[in-house]
Amino acid sequence: MAASSDFLVPSPVGALLSRLPAYPGSLLLVTALNLALARHLPADVGQLMLHKKMRVQVRDARLVFDFAWTGQRFAPRAPLVAPEVADLTLSATAHDFLLLAQRQQDPDTLFFNRRLSMEGDTELGLVVKNALDAIELPVLDPRQWVPLLSPRQVLGHLRQRIDSASHTTGG
């Protein structure tokens, strides 16, 4: 398998992404976490995570996502402001996070190869990691996002709608 450094977000793209507001990204992340994980979390893990400030840093993309567990779901948080720090911060490249989500790489391997770092409450980090490893989750497959219709089919449907709309309005 290629090293993660082969798949870094280009620096100019990271610089651009770092200028985006953080909250919408955190909202997207927690939506995905809630859909994929929230109902699978064991009660003891949820209790340990309750109201903890958690952060995911995508190093090469220069993105930061702040969130917390409310007891029933993950909720986005406003970006932390110094001297406030996250209870747990996980950092990796975008490619390494994708490998984790696809279960092509395990967190221990990435951690021991210094490609995944964990800062803050290590007990919380280990409990979360072990809980995620124990949950049977579907593998994240980006091919699921490919539309069922080809671009030509999509354009054909749009053309039909435009044609039928112009016929009903007399255009």
C-alpha atoms as a PDB file:
ATOM      1  CA  MET A   1       0.000   0.000   0.000  1.00  0.00           C
ATOM      2  CA  ALA A   2       1.302   3.477  -0.835  1.00  0.00           C
ATOM      3  CA  ALA A   3       2.371   5.799   1.931  1.00  0.00           C
ATOM      4  CA  SER A   4      -0.102   8.459   2.973  1.00  0.00           C
ATOM      5  CA  SER A   5       2.384  11.159   1.939  1.00  0.00           C
ATOM      6  CA  ASP A   6       1.673  10.119  -1.673  1.00  0.00           C
ATOM      7  CA  PHE A   7      -1.905  11.320  -1.228  1.00  0.00           C
ATOM      8  CA  LEU A   8      -1.679  14.695   0.477  1.00  0.00           C
ATOM      9  CA  VAL A   9      -4.117  17.512  -0.202  1.00  0.00           C
ATOM     10  CA  PRO A  10      -2.039  20.086  -2.122  1.00  0.00           C
ATOM     11  CA  SER A  11      -0.840  22.947   0.055  1.00  0.00           C
ATOM     12  CA  PRO A  12      -2.710  25.679  -1.895  1.00  0.00           C
ATOM     13  CA  VAL A  13      -5.946  23.697  -1.521  1.00  0.00           C
ATOM     14  CA  GLY A  14      -5.284  23.283   2.217  1.00  0.00           C
ATOM     15  CA  ALA A  15      -4.665  27.038   2.495  1.00  0.00           C
ATOM     16  CA  LEU A  16      -7.990  27.703   0.785  1.00  0.00           C
ATOM     17  CA  LEU A  17      -9.862  25.160   2.914  1.00  0.00           C
ATOM     18  CA  SER A  18      -8.396  26.620   6.107  1.00  0.00           C
ATOM     19  CA  ARG A  19     -10.207  29.883   5.343  1.00  0.00           C
ATOM     20  CA  LEU A  20     -13.639  28.250   5.288  1.00  0.00           C
ATOM     21  CA  PRO A  21     -15.850  28.672   8.356  1.00  0.00           C
ATOM     22  CA  ALA A  22     -15.424  25.700  10.689  1.00  0.00           C
ATOM     23  CA  TYR A  23     -18.986  25.210  11.919  1.00  0.00           C
ATOM     24  CA  PRO A  24     -20.584  23.966   8.658  1.00  0.00           C
ATOM     25  CA  GLY A  25     -17.866  21.322   8.360  1.00  0.00           C
ATOM     26  CA  SER A  26     -18.445  20.219  11.941  1.00  0.00           C
ATOM     27  CA  LEU A  27     -22.161  20.006  11.215  1.00  0.00           C
ATOM     28  CA  LEU A  28     -21.493  17.764   8.207  1.00  0.00           C
ATOM     29  CA  LEU A  29     -19.145  15.552  10.217  1.00  0.00           C
ATOM     30  CA  VAL A  30     -21.586  15.064  13.102  1.00  0.00           C
ATOM     31  CA  THR A  31     -24.392  14.310  10.648  1.00  0.00           C
ATOM     32  CA  ALA A  32     -22.277  11.497   9.219  1.00  0.00           C
ATOM     33  CA  LEU A  33     -21.287  10.314  12.716  1.00  0.00           C
ATOM     34  CA  ASN A  34     -24.909  10.303  13.833  1.00  0.00           C
ATOM     35  CA  LEU A  35     -26.020   8.321  10.800  1.00  0.00           C
ATOM     36  CA  ALA A  36     -23.198   5.799  11.040  1.00  0.00           C
ATOM     37  CA  LEU A  37     -22.356   5.545  14.736  1.00  0.00           C
ATOM     38  CA  ALA A  38     -24.737   7.113  17.225  1.00  0.00           C
ATOM     39  CA  ARG A  39     -27.152   4.189  17.570  1.00  0.00           C
ATOM     40  CA  HIS A  40     -24.276   1.688  17.846  1.00  0.00           C
ATOM     41  CA  LEU A  41     -22.371   3.301  20.708  1.00  0.00           C
ATOM     42  CA  PRO A  42     -22.385   1.231  23.897  1.00  0.00           C
ATOM     43  CA  ALA A  43     -23.900   3.029  26.878  1.00  0.00           C
ATOM     44  CA  ASP A  44     -20.632   3.025  28.854  1.00  0.00           C
ATOM     45  CA  VAL A  45     -18.773   4.651  25.951  1.00  0.00           C
ATOM     46  CA  GLY A  46     -21.520   7.236  25.588  1.00  0.00           C
ATOM     47  CA  GLN A  47     -21.318   7.991  29.302  1.00  0.00           C
ATOM     48  CA  LEU A  48     -17.554   8.488  29.127  1.00  0.00           C
ATOM     49  CA  MET A  49     -17.927  10.770  26.074  1.00  0.00           C
ATOM     50  CA  LEU A  50     -20.804  12.780  27.547  1.00  0.00           C
ATOM     51  CA  HIS A  51     -20.223  16.511  26.906  1.00  0.00           C
ATOM     52  CA  LYS A  52     -16.538  15.958  26.110  1.00  0.00           C
ATOM     53  CA  LYS A  53     -15.063  18.424  23.642  1.00  0.00           C
ATOM     54  CA  MET A  54     -13.723  16.389  20.736  1.00  0.00           C
ATOM     55  CA  ARG A  55     -11.804  17.547  17.700  1.00  0.00           C
ATOM     56  CA  VAL A  56     -10.817  15.985  14.403  1.00  0.00           C
ATOM     57  CA  GLN A  57      -7.941  17.698  12.590  1.00  0.00           C
ATOM     58  CA  VAL A  58      -7.291  16.930   8.948  1.00  0.00           C
ATOM     59  CA  ARG A  59      -3.675  18.029   8.775  1.00  0.00           C
ATOM     60  CA  ASP A  60      -3.080  18.317   5.047  1.00  0.00           C
ATOM     61  CA  ALA A  61      -6.467  19.915   4.332  1.00  0.00           C
ATOM     62  CA  ARG A  62      -5.966  22.235   7.329  1.00  0.00           C
ATOM     63  CA  LEU A  63      -9.522  21.529   8.493  1.00  0.00           C
ATOM     64  CA  VAL A  64     -10.696  21.278  12.094  1.00  0.00           C
ATOM     65  CA  PHE A  65     -14.021  19.840  13.230  1.00  0.00           C
ATOM     66  CA  ASP A  66     -15.214  20.364  16.814  1.00  0.00           C
ATOM     67  CA  PHE A  67     -18.070  18.377  18.305  1.00  0.00           C
ATOM     68  CA  ALA A  68     -19.407  16.726  21.464  1.00  0.00           C
ATOM     69  CA  TRP A  69     -21.597  13.774  22.447  1.00  0.00           C
ATOM     70  CA  THR A  70     -24.881  14.924  24.045  1.00  0.00           C
ATOM     71  CA  GLY A  71     -25.903  11.520  25.356  1.00  0.00           C
ATOM     72  CA  GLN A  72     -28.089  10.786  22.325  1.00  0.00           C
ATOM     73  CA  ARG A  73     -26.206  12.228  19.378  1.00  0.00           C
ATOM     74  CA  PHE A  74     -23.093  14.040  18.258  1.00  0.00           C
ATOM     75  CA  ALA A  75     -23.498  17.812  18.094  1.00  0.00           C
ATOM     76  CA  PRO A  76     -21.267  20.376  16.393  1.00  0.00           C
ATOM     77  CA  ARG A  77     -19.473  22.870  18.575  1.00  0.00           C
ATOM     78  CA  ALA A  78     -18.208  26.323  17.815  1.00  0.00           C
ATOM     79  CA  PRO A  79     -14.446  26.285  17.249  1.00  0.00           C
ATOM     80  CA  LEU A  80     -12.463  26.162  20.465  1.00  0.00           C
ATOM     81  CA  VAL A  81     -10.838  29.426  21.454  1.00  0.00           C
ATOM     82  CA  ALA A  82      -7.583  29.545  23.436  1.00  0.00           C
ATOM     83  CA  PRO A  83      -7.059  28.736  26.249  1.00  0.00           C
ATOM     84  CA  GLU A  84      -9.908  26.220  25.788  1.00  0.00           C
ATOM     85  CA  VAL A  85      -8.631  22.844  24.557  1.00  0.00           C
ATOM     86  CA  ALA A  86     -10.361  19.724  23.325  1.00  0.00           C
ATOM     87  CA  ASP A  87     -10.654  16.767  25.665  1.00  0.00           C
ATOM     88  CA  LEU A  88      -9.607  14.580  22.734  1.00  0.00           C
ATOM     89  CA  THR A  89      -8.026  15.531  19.405  1.00  0.00           C
ATOM     90  CA  LEU A  90      -7.466  13.078  16.582  1.00  0.00           C
ATOM     91  CA  SER A  91      -5.178  14.217  13.754  1.00  0.00           C
ATOM     92  CA  ALA A  92      -4.334  12.595  10.431  1.00  0.00           C
ATOM     93  CA  THR A  93      -4.290  13.352   6.723  1.00  0.00           C
ATOM     94  CA  ALA A  94      -7.474  13.259   4.664  1.00  0.00           C
ATOM     95  CA  HIS A  95      -6.281  10.076   2.961  1.00  0.00           C
ATOM     96  CA  ASP A  96      -5.572   8.328   6.266  1.00  0.00           C
ATOM     97  CA  PHE A  97      -9.019   9.247   7.627  1.00  0.00           C
ATOM     98  CA  LEU A  98     -10.518   7.844   4.412  1.00  0.00           C
ATOM     99  CA  LEU A  99      -8.509   4.630   4.840  1.00  0.00           C
ATOM    100  CA  LEU A 100      -9.839   4.355   8.405  1.00  0.00           C
ATOM    101  CA  ALA A 101     -13.424   4.907   7.266  1.00  0.00           C
ATOM    102  CA  GLN A 102     -13.014   2.297   4.538  1.00  0.00           C
ATOM    103  CA  ARG A 103     -11.432  -0.095   7.061  1.00  0.00           C
ATOM    104  CA  GLN A 104      -8.410  -0.469   4.804  1.00  0.00           C
ATOM    105  CA  GLN A 105      -6.157   0.616   7.654  1.00  0.00           C
ATOM    106  CA  ASP A 106      -6.511   0.138  11.378  1.00  0.00           C
ATOM    107  CA  PRO A 107      -5.944   2.965  13.864  1.00  0.00           C
ATOM    108  CA  ASP A 108      -3.154   1.117  15.718  1.00  0.00           C
ATOM    109  CA  THR A 109      -1.046   0.789  12.570  1.00  0.00           C
ATOM    110  CA  LEU A 110      -1.540   4.455  11.701  1.00  0.00           C
ATOM    111  CA  PHE A 111      -0.795   5.474  15.292  1.00  0.00           C
ATOM    112  CA  PHE A 112       2.427   3.458  15.532  1.00  0.00           C
ATOM    113  CA  ASN A 113       3.535   4.774  12.122  1.00  0.00           C
ATOM    114  CA  ARG A 114       2.902   8.323  13.422  1.00  0.00           C
ATOM    115  CA  ARG A 115       0.270   8.942  10.773  1.00  0.00           C
ATOM    116  CA  LEU A 116      -2.548   9.245  13.330  1.00  0.00           C
ATOM    117  CA  SER A 117      -2.078  11.197  16.514  1.00  0.00           C
ATOM    118  CA  MET A 118      -4.203  11.439  19.605  1.00  0.00           C
ATOM    119  CA  GLU A 119      -3.885  14.275  22.104  1.00  0.00           C
ATOM    120  CA  GLY A 120      -5.690  14.912  25.345  1.00  0.00           C
ATOM    121  CA  ASP A 121      -7.590  12.337  27.357  1.00  0.00           C
ATOM    122  CA  THR A 122      -5.880   9.119  26.237  1.00  0.00           C
ATOM    123  CA  GLU A 123      -8.319   6.948  28.202  1.00  0.00           C
ATOM    124  CA  LEU A 124     -11.190   8.534  26.288  1.00  0.00           C
ATOM    125  CA  GLY A 125      -9.298   8.039  23.020  1.00  0.00           C
ATOM    126  CA  LEU A 126      -8.625   4.372  23.697  1.00  0.00           C
ATOM    127  CA  VAL A 127     -12.210   3.678  24.747  1.00  0.00           C
ATOM    128  CA  VAL A 128     -13.549   5.423  21.627  1.00  0.00           C
ATOM    129  CA  LYS A 129     -11.072   3.574  19.389  1.00  0.00           C
ATOM    130  CA  ASN A 130     -11.910   0.202  20.925  1.00  0.00           C
ATOM    131  CA  ALA A 131     -15.648   0.866  20.648  1.00  0.00           C
ATOM    132  CA  LEU A 132     -15.309   1.825  16.982  1.00  0.00           C
ATOM    133  CA  ASP A 133     -13.239  -1.290  16.306  1.00  0.00           C
ATOM    134  CA  ALA A 134     -15.930  -3.447  17.939  1.00  0.00           C
ATOM    135  CA  ILE A 135     -18.837  -1.965  15.966  1.00  0.00           C
ATOM    136  CA  GLU A 136     -19.615  -3.722  12.707  1.00  0.00           C
ATOM    137  CA  LEU A 137     -20.005  -0.779  10.392  1.00  0.00           C
ATOM    138  CA  PRO A 138     -20.441  -0.836   6.645  1.00  0.00           C
ATOM    139  CA  VAL A 139     -17.295   0.130   4.834  1.00  0.00           C
ATOM    140  CA  LEU A 140     -17.341   3.662   3.462  1.00  0.00           C
ATOM    141  CA  ASP A 141     -17.274   3.212  -0.287  1.00  0.00           C
ATOM    142  CA  PRO A 142     -17.078   6.447  -2.304  1.00  0.00           C
ATOM    143  CA  ARG A 143     -18.619   4.579  -5.257  1.00  0.00           C
ATOM    144  CA  GLN A 144     -21.909   4.744  -3.309  1.00  0.00           C
ATOM    145  CA  TRP A 145     -21.953   8.454  -4.085  1.00  0.00           C
ATOM    146  CA  VAL A 146     -21.863   7.969  -7.856  1.00  0.00           C
ATOM    147  CA  PRO A 147     -25.231   8.891  -9.330  1.00  0.00           C
ATOM    148  CA  LEU A 148     -27.251   6.049 -10.779  1.00  0.00           C
ATOM    149  CA  LEU A 149     -27.783   8.055 -13.940  1.00  0.00           C
ATOM    150  CA  SER A 150     -25.062   9.035 -16.376  1.00  0.00           C
ATOM    151  CA  PRO A 151     -24.487  12.758 -17.008  1.00  0.00           C
ATOM    152  CA  ARG A 152     -26.153  12.306 -20.421  1.00  0.00           C
ATOM    153  CA  GLN A 153     -29.244  10.817 -18.729  1.00  0.00           C
ATOM    154  CA  VAL A 154     -29.350  13.652 -16.187  1.00  0.00           C
ATOM    155  CA  LEU A 155     -29.121  16.254 -18.964  1.00  0.00           C
ATOM    156  CA  GLY A 156     -31.847  14.414 -20.882  1.00  0.00           C
ATOM    157  CA  HIS A 157     -34.172  14.539 -17.853  1.00  0.00           C
ATOM    158  CA  LEU A 158     -33.435  18.245 -17.375  1.00  0.00           C
ATOM    159  CA  ARG A 159     -34.115  18.929 -21.048  1.00  0.00           C
ATOM    160  CA  GLN A 160     -37.459  17.089 -20.788  1.00  0.00           C
ATOM    161  CA  ARG A 161     -38.446  19.153 -17.741  1.00  0.00           C
ATOM    162  CA  ILE A 162     -37.482  22.398 -19.431  1.00  0.00           C
ATOM    163  CA  ASP A 163     -39.383  21.398 -22.584  1.00  0.00           C
ATOM    164  CA  SER A 164     -42.508  20.408 -20.661  1.00  0.00           C
ATOM    165  CA  ALA A 165     -42.337  23.601 -18.574  1.00  0.00           C
ATOM    166  CA  SER A 166     -42.051  25.758 -21.676  1.00  0.00           C
ATOM    167  CA  HIS A 167     -45.024  23.943 -23.272  1.00  0.00           C
ATOM    168  CA  THR A 168     -47.238  24.513 -20.204  1.00  0.00           C
ATOM    169  CA  THR A 169     -46.328  28.221 -20.030  1.00  0.00           C
ATOM    170  CA  GLY A 170     -46.771  28.708 -23.725  1.00  0.00           C
ATOM    171  CA  GLY A 171     -43.037  29.431 -24.278  1.00  0.00           C
END
